[in-house]
């Protein structure tokens, strides 16, 4: 029963968040969109706490971490960051090819 309640809460959050994103005709900045997404995620965490999936302390810690991440993105930009394994999208291992990793052949 809890899973169904959480699924319904998540659906409601997502269904209300999508029109908010689409309602603005390009007048909002990327920061505003990320802020709206952050608020939607916090609502999901609140529903997890209400349904006993996570504790209040866990929910507070998650929301605090999300706020810190948002602040860092506000300062450093909302673009792409370091990916999995610390690379910047330059292929496996983070190097741009054999010449950049091991010198010229």
C-alpha atoms as a PDB file:
ATOM      1  CA  UNK A   1       0.000   0.000   0.000  1.00  0.00           C
ATOM      2  CA  UNK A   2       2.869   2.346   0.811  1.00  0.00           C
ATOM      3  CA  UNK A   3       4.421   1.746  -2.597  1.00  0.00           C
ATOM      4  CA  UNK A   4       1.179   2.682  -4.343  1.00  0.00           C
ATOM      5  CA  UNK A   5       0.848   5.831  -2.233  1.00  0.00           C
ATOM      6  CA  UNK A   6       4.426   6.841  -3.021  1.00  0.00           C
ATOM      7  CA  UNK A   7       3.932   6.124  -6.715  1.00  0.00           C
ATOM      8  CA  UNK A   8       0.809   8.273  -6.773  1.00  0.00           C
ATOM      9  CA  UNK A   9       2.598  11.078  -4.895  1.00  0.00           C
ATOM     10  CA  UNK A  10       5.519  10.912  -7.326  1.00  0.00           C
ATOM     11  CA  UNK A  11       3.159  11.006 -10.295  1.00  0.00           C
ATOM     12  CA  UNK A  12       1.360  14.023  -8.880  1.00  0.00           C
ATOM     13  CA  UNK A  13       4.632  15.853  -8.330  1.00  0.00           C
ATOM     14  CA  UNK A  14       5.828  15.085 -11.844  1.00  0.00           C
ATOM     15  CA  UNK A  15       2.507  15.972 -13.444  1.00  0.00           C
ATOM     16  CA  UNK A  16       2.411  19.313 -11.664  1.00  0.00           C
ATOM     17  CA  UNK A  17       6.084  20.025 -12.377  1.00  0.00           C
ATOM     18  CA  UNK A  18       5.873  19.475 -16.151  1.00  0.00           C
ATOM     19  CA  UNK A  19       3.267  22.201 -16.802  1.00  0.00           C
ATOM     20  CA  UNK A  20       5.290  24.596 -14.663  1.00  0.00           C
ATOM     21  CA  UNK A  21       8.329  23.985 -16.858  1.00  0.00           C
ATOM     22  CA  UNK A  22       6.304  24.327 -20.039  1.00  0.00           C
ATOM     23  CA  UNK A  23       4.280  27.359 -18.952  1.00  0.00           C
ATOM     24  CA  UNK A  24       7.195  29.764 -19.179  1.00  0.00           C
ATOM     25  CA  UNK A  25       7.926  30.816 -22.757  1.00  0.00           C
ATOM     26  CA  UNK A  26      11.691  30.995 -22.488  1.00  0.00           C
ATOM     27  CA  UNK A  27      11.601  33.870 -20.026  1.00  0.00           C
ATOM     28  CA  UNK A  28      13.143  31.958 -17.153  1.00  0.00           C
ATOM     29  CA  UNK A  29      16.769  31.182 -16.710  1.00  0.00           C
ATOM     30  CA  UNK A  30      18.298  27.772 -16.336  1.00  0.00           C
ATOM     31  CA  UNK A  31      18.708  28.519 -12.632  1.00  0.00           C
ATOM     32  CA  UNK A  32      14.943  28.987 -12.263  1.00  0.00           C
ATOM     33  CA  UNK A  33      14.262  25.646 -13.950  1.00  0.00           C
ATOM     34  CA  UNK A  34      16.747  23.862 -11.713  1.00  0.00           C
ATOM     35  CA  UNK A  35      15.137  25.532  -8.697  1.00  0.00           C
ATOM     36  CA  UNK A  36      11.705  24.242  -9.737  1.00  0.00           C
ATOM     37  CA  UNK A  37      13.149  20.765 -10.203  1.00  0.00           C
ATOM     38  CA  UNK A  38      14.776  20.980  -6.764  1.00  0.00           C
ATOM     39  CA  UNK A  39      11.461  21.891  -5.160  1.00  0.00           C
ATOM     40  CA  UNK A  40       9.737  18.944  -6.879  1.00  0.00           C
ATOM     41  CA  UNK A  41      12.424  16.566  -5.610  1.00  0.00           C
ATOM     42  CA  UNK A  42      12.017  17.925  -2.088  1.00  0.00           C
ATOM     43  CA  UNK A  43       8.281  17.203  -2.278  1.00  0.00           C
ATOM     44  CA  UNK A  44       9.053  13.599  -3.181  1.00  0.00           C
ATOM     45  CA  UNK A  45      11.420  13.324  -0.208  1.00  0.00           C
ATOM     46  CA  UNK A  46       8.715  14.772   2.050  1.00  0.00           C
ATOM     47  CA  UNK A  47       6.275  12.111   0.839  1.00  0.00           C
ATOM     48  CA  UNK A  48       8.885   9.407   1.595  1.00  0.00           C
ATOM     49  CA  UNK A  49       9.161  10.755   5.145  1.00  0.00           C
ATOM     50  CA  UNK A  50       5.367  10.902   5.565  1.00  0.00           C
ATOM     51  CA  UNK A  51       5.012   7.302   4.407  1.00  0.00           C
ATOM     52  CA  UNK A  52       7.825   6.030   6.624  1.00  0.00           C
ATOM     53  CA  UNK A  53      10.120   4.998   3.780  1.00  0.00           C
ATOM     54  CA  UNK A  54      12.936   7.130   5.215  1.00  0.00           C
ATOM     55  CA  UNK A  55      13.366   8.878   8.544  1.00  0.00           C
ATOM     56  CA  UNK A  56      13.062  12.630   9.060  1.00  0.00           C
ATOM     57  CA  UNK A  57      16.826  12.825   9.645  1.00  0.00           C
ATOM     58  CA  UNK A  58      17.534  11.043   6.362  1.00  0.00           C
ATOM     59  CA  UNK A  59      15.138  13.341   4.533  1.00  0.00           C
ATOM     60  CA  UNK A  60      16.720  16.441   6.061  1.00  0.00           C
ATOM     61  CA  UNK A  61      20.202  15.204   5.132  1.00  0.00           C
ATOM     62  CA  UNK A  62      19.122  14.525   1.551  1.00  0.00           C
ATOM     63  CA  UNK A  63      17.530  17.959   1.194  1.00  0.00           C
ATOM     64  CA  UNK A  64      20.586  19.650   2.732  1.00  0.00           C
ATOM     65  CA  UNK A  65      22.868  17.874   0.251  1.00  0.00           C
ATOM     66  CA  UNK A  66      20.581  18.879  -2.619  1.00  0.00           C
ATOM     67  CA  UNK A  67      20.712  22.519  -1.460  1.00  0.00           C
ATOM     68  CA  UNK A  68      24.523  22.423  -1.328  1.00  0.00           C
ATOM     69  CA  UNK A  69      24.634  20.934  -4.822  1.00  0.00           C
ATOM     70  CA  UNK A  70      22.282  23.639  -6.098  1.00  0.00           C
ATOM     71  CA  UNK A  71      24.433  26.366  -4.541  1.00  0.00           C
ATOM     72  CA  UNK A  72      27.562  24.894  -6.134  1.00  0.00           C
ATOM     73  CA  UNK A  73      25.852  24.762  -9.518  1.00  0.00           C
ATOM     74  CA  UNK A  74      24.686  28.350  -9.093  1.00  0.00           C
ATOM     75  CA  UNK A  75      28.295  29.441  -8.654  1.00  0.00           C
ATOM     76  CA  UNK A  76      29.946  27.105 -11.182  1.00  0.00           C
ATOM     77  CA  UNK A  77      27.214  26.943 -13.807  1.00  0.00           C
ATOM     78  CA  UNK A  78      24.469  24.475 -14.645  1.00  0.00           C
ATOM     79  CA  UNK A  79      26.223  22.832 -17.596  1.00  0.00           C
ATOM     80  CA  UNK A  80      27.861  19.455 -17.826  1.00  0.00           C
ATOM     81  CA  UNK A  81      30.247  18.393 -15.121  1.00  0.00           C
ATOM     82  CA  UNK A  82      32.528  15.514 -14.469  1.00  0.00           C
ATOM     83  CA  UNK A  83      30.992  12.255 -15.476  1.00  0.00           C
ATOM     84  CA  UNK A  84      31.337   8.705 -14.314  1.00  0.00           C
ATOM     85  CA  UNK A  85      34.950   7.802 -13.459  1.00  0.00           C
ATOM     86  CA  UNK A  86      35.912  11.494 -13.407  1.00  0.00           C
ATOM     87  CA  UNK A  87      35.951  12.022 -17.166  1.00  0.00           C
ATOM     88  CA  UNK A  88      34.570  14.929 -19.136  1.00  0.00           C
ATOM     89  CA  UNK A  89      33.049  12.908 -21.962  1.00  0.00           C
ATOM     90  CA  UNK A  90      36.283  12.251 -23.834  1.00  0.00           C
ATOM     91  CA  UNK A  91      35.925   8.516 -24.018  1.00  0.00           C
ATOM     92  CA  UNK A  92      36.845   5.581 -21.845  1.00  0.00           C
ATOM     93  CA  UNK A  93      39.288   6.538 -19.131  1.00  0.00           C
ATOM     94  CA  UNK A  94      38.849  10.276 -19.634  1.00  0.00           C
ATOM     95  CA  UNK A  95      41.523  10.771 -22.280  1.00  0.00           C
ATOM     96  CA  UNK A  96      40.992  12.233 -25.716  1.00  0.00           C
ATOM     97  CA  UNK A  97      42.753   9.446 -27.542  1.00  0.00           C
ATOM     98  CA  UNK A  98      46.061   7.564 -27.548  1.00  0.00           C
ATOM     99  CA  UNK A  99      48.166  10.601 -28.444  1.00  0.00           C
ATOM    100  CA  UNK A 100      46.865  12.665 -25.530  1.00  0.00           C
ATOM    101  CA  UNK A 101      47.243   9.859 -22.992  1.00  0.00           C
ATOM    102  CA  UNK A 102      50.477   8.155 -23.984  1.00  0.00           C
ATOM    103  CA  UNK A 103      52.244  10.707 -26.169  1.00  0.00           C
ATOM    104  CA  UNK A 104      52.628  10.601 -29.934  1.00  0.00           C
ATOM    105  CA  UNK A 105      53.411   7.412 -31.801  1.00  0.00           C
END
